[in-house]
Amino acid sequence: MFVKAMNTLETILYPIVDLMTGASADASELAKRPETRLFGVDAVLDSVGLLNFITAAEEQITSVTGRKISLVTPRALAARESPFRTLGTLAAYIDEQLQTGPGAVAR
């Protein structure tokens, strides 16, 4: 299955990191590492930068997978630990959404 074989960090998120670091001095500390903090204490993005990153991720998901997925959901916002904390947690959340969300391939 394509979703399982896809490396979400490499295919979805790291291209956005490249775009944002080239386009904004504010994102200069955005590094291609799973532990890079996107949200919370010591985050490298401000709130507008995070929203831009999430929007770009949704667009990249559609471009790569052909599926339209909303990452900002009531469940994500109510989660005890935000899926937007780091690049790694966001990648895991995207993988989960692709496997269980609307349009997921039945197993």
Protein backbone atom coordinates (compact mmCIF):
# COMPACT_ATOMS: atom_id res chain seq x y z
CA MET A 1 0.00 0.00 0.00
CA PHE A 2 1.35 3.45 -0.92
CA VAL A 3 0.55 5.06 2.44
CA LYS A 4 2.57 2.51 4.43
CA ALA A 5 5.53 2.79 2.06
CA MET A 6 5.51 6.59 2.06
CA ASN A 7 7.96 8.31 4.38
CA THR A 8 5.82 11.19 5.58
CA LEU A 9 8.73 13.26 6.82
CA GLU A 10 10.62 13.03 3.52
CA THR A 11 7.63 13.22 1.19
CA ILE A 12 5.25 15.61 2.93
CA LEU A 13 6.97 17.66 5.63
CA TYR A 14 10.60 18.20 4.64
CA PRO A 15 9.70 19.84 1.30
CA ILE A 16 7.64 22.36 3.31
CA VAL A 17 10.61 22.99 5.61
CA ASP A 18 12.71 23.72 2.52
CA LEU A 19 10.08 26.14 1.20
CA MET A 20 9.59 27.96 4.48
CA THR A 21 13.28 28.33 5.31
CA GLY A 22 13.93 29.79 1.87
CA ALA A 23 10.99 32.18 2.07
CA SER A 24 11.16 33.56 5.60
CA ALA A 25 13.88 34.65 7.99
CA ASP A 26 11.48 33.76 10.83
CA ALA A 27 11.66 30.10 9.81
CA SER A 28 15.46 30.01 9.62
CA GLU A 29 15.65 27.68 12.66
CA LEU A 30 13.24 25.20 11.07
CA ALA A 31 15.39 22.08 10.64
CA LYS A 32 14.66 18.79 8.88
CA ARG A 33 14.71 16.68 12.04
CA PRO A 34 11.81 14.76 13.63
CA GLU A 35 12.42 16.52 16.97
CA THR A 36 12.12 20.05 15.53
CA ARG A 37 9.51 21.80 17.69
CA LEU A 38 6.63 23.39 15.80
CA PHE A 39 4.32 24.17 18.73
CA GLY A 40 4.73 24.96 22.42
CA VAL A 41 7.74 26.03 24.44
CA ASP A 42 10.84 26.57 22.29
CA ALA A 43 8.86 26.25 19.06
CA VAL A 44 10.63 27.58 15.98
CA LEU A 45 7.40 28.94 14.45
CA ASP A 46 5.04 31.58 15.75
CA SER A 47 1.27 30.99 15.55
CA VAL A 48 0.98 32.39 12.01
CA GLY A 49 3.97 30.34 10.89
CA LEU A 50 2.41 27.20 12.36
CA LEU A 51 -0.88 27.85 10.54
CA ASN A 52 1.02 28.41 7.30
CA PHE A 53 2.95 25.17 7.86
CA ILE A 54 -0.24 23.18 8.53
CA THR A 55 -1.94 24.64 5.46
CA ALA A 56 1.09 23.78 3.32
CA ALA A 57 1.10 20.25 4.79
CA GLU A 58 -2.57 19.75 3.84
CA GLU A 59 -1.82 20.92 0.30
CA GLN A 60 1.25 18.66 0.08
CA ILE A 61 -0.78 15.67 1.32
CA THR A 62 -3.33 16.27 -1.44
CA SER A 63 -0.59 16.68 -4.03
CA VAL A 64 1.24 13.49 -3.01
CA THR A 65 -1.67 11.19 -2.11
CA GLY A 66 -4.62 12.64 -4.02
CA ARG A 67 -6.57 12.80 -0.74
CA LYS A 68 -7.87 15.92 0.92
CA ILE A 69 -7.35 15.75 4.68
CA SER A 70 -7.99 18.39 7.33
CA LEU A 71 -5.32 18.29 10.01
CA VAL A 72 -6.92 20.83 12.33
CA THR A 73 -9.85 18.90 13.77
CA PRO A 74 -11.67 19.07 17.10
CA ARG A 75 -9.92 15.82 18.07
CA ALA A 76 -6.49 17.23 17.28
CA LEU A 77 -7.19 20.45 19.15
CA ALA A 78 -8.53 18.58 22.20
CA ALA A 79 -5.68 16.06 22.32
CA ARG A 80 -3.82 15.91 25.59
CA GLU A 81 -0.57 16.15 23.64
CA SER A 82 -0.79 18.19 20.45
CA PRO A 83 0.02 16.36 17.21
CA PHE A 84 1.63 19.63 16.10
CA ARG A 85 4.43 19.56 18.74
CA THR A 86 7.23 18.41 16.46
CA LEU A 87 7.80 17.35 12.88
CA GLY A 88 7.84 13.74 14.11
CA THR A 89 4.53 13.95 15.97
CA LEU A 90 2.95 15.70 13.00
CA ALA A 91 4.22 12.97 10.65
CA ALA A 92 2.74 10.28 12.92
CA TYR A 93 -0.57 12.16 13.03
CA ILE A 94 -0.62 12.48 9.23
CA ASP A 95 0.07 8.74 8.90
CA GLU A 96 -2.82 8.01 11.27
CA GLN A 97 -5.16 10.30 9.33
CA LEU A 98 -4.19 8.67 6.04
CA GLN A 99 -4.85 5.20 7.49
CA THR A 100 -8.08 5.94 9.35
CA GLY A 101 -9.50 9.18 8.00
CA PRO A 102 -11.95 9.81 5.15
CA GLY A 103 -10.97 7.89 2.03
CA ALA A 104 -8.72 5.45 3.90
CA VAL A 105 -8.16 2.14 2.16
CA ALA A 106 -9.93 -0.70 3.96
CA ARG A 107 -7.66 -3.46 5.26
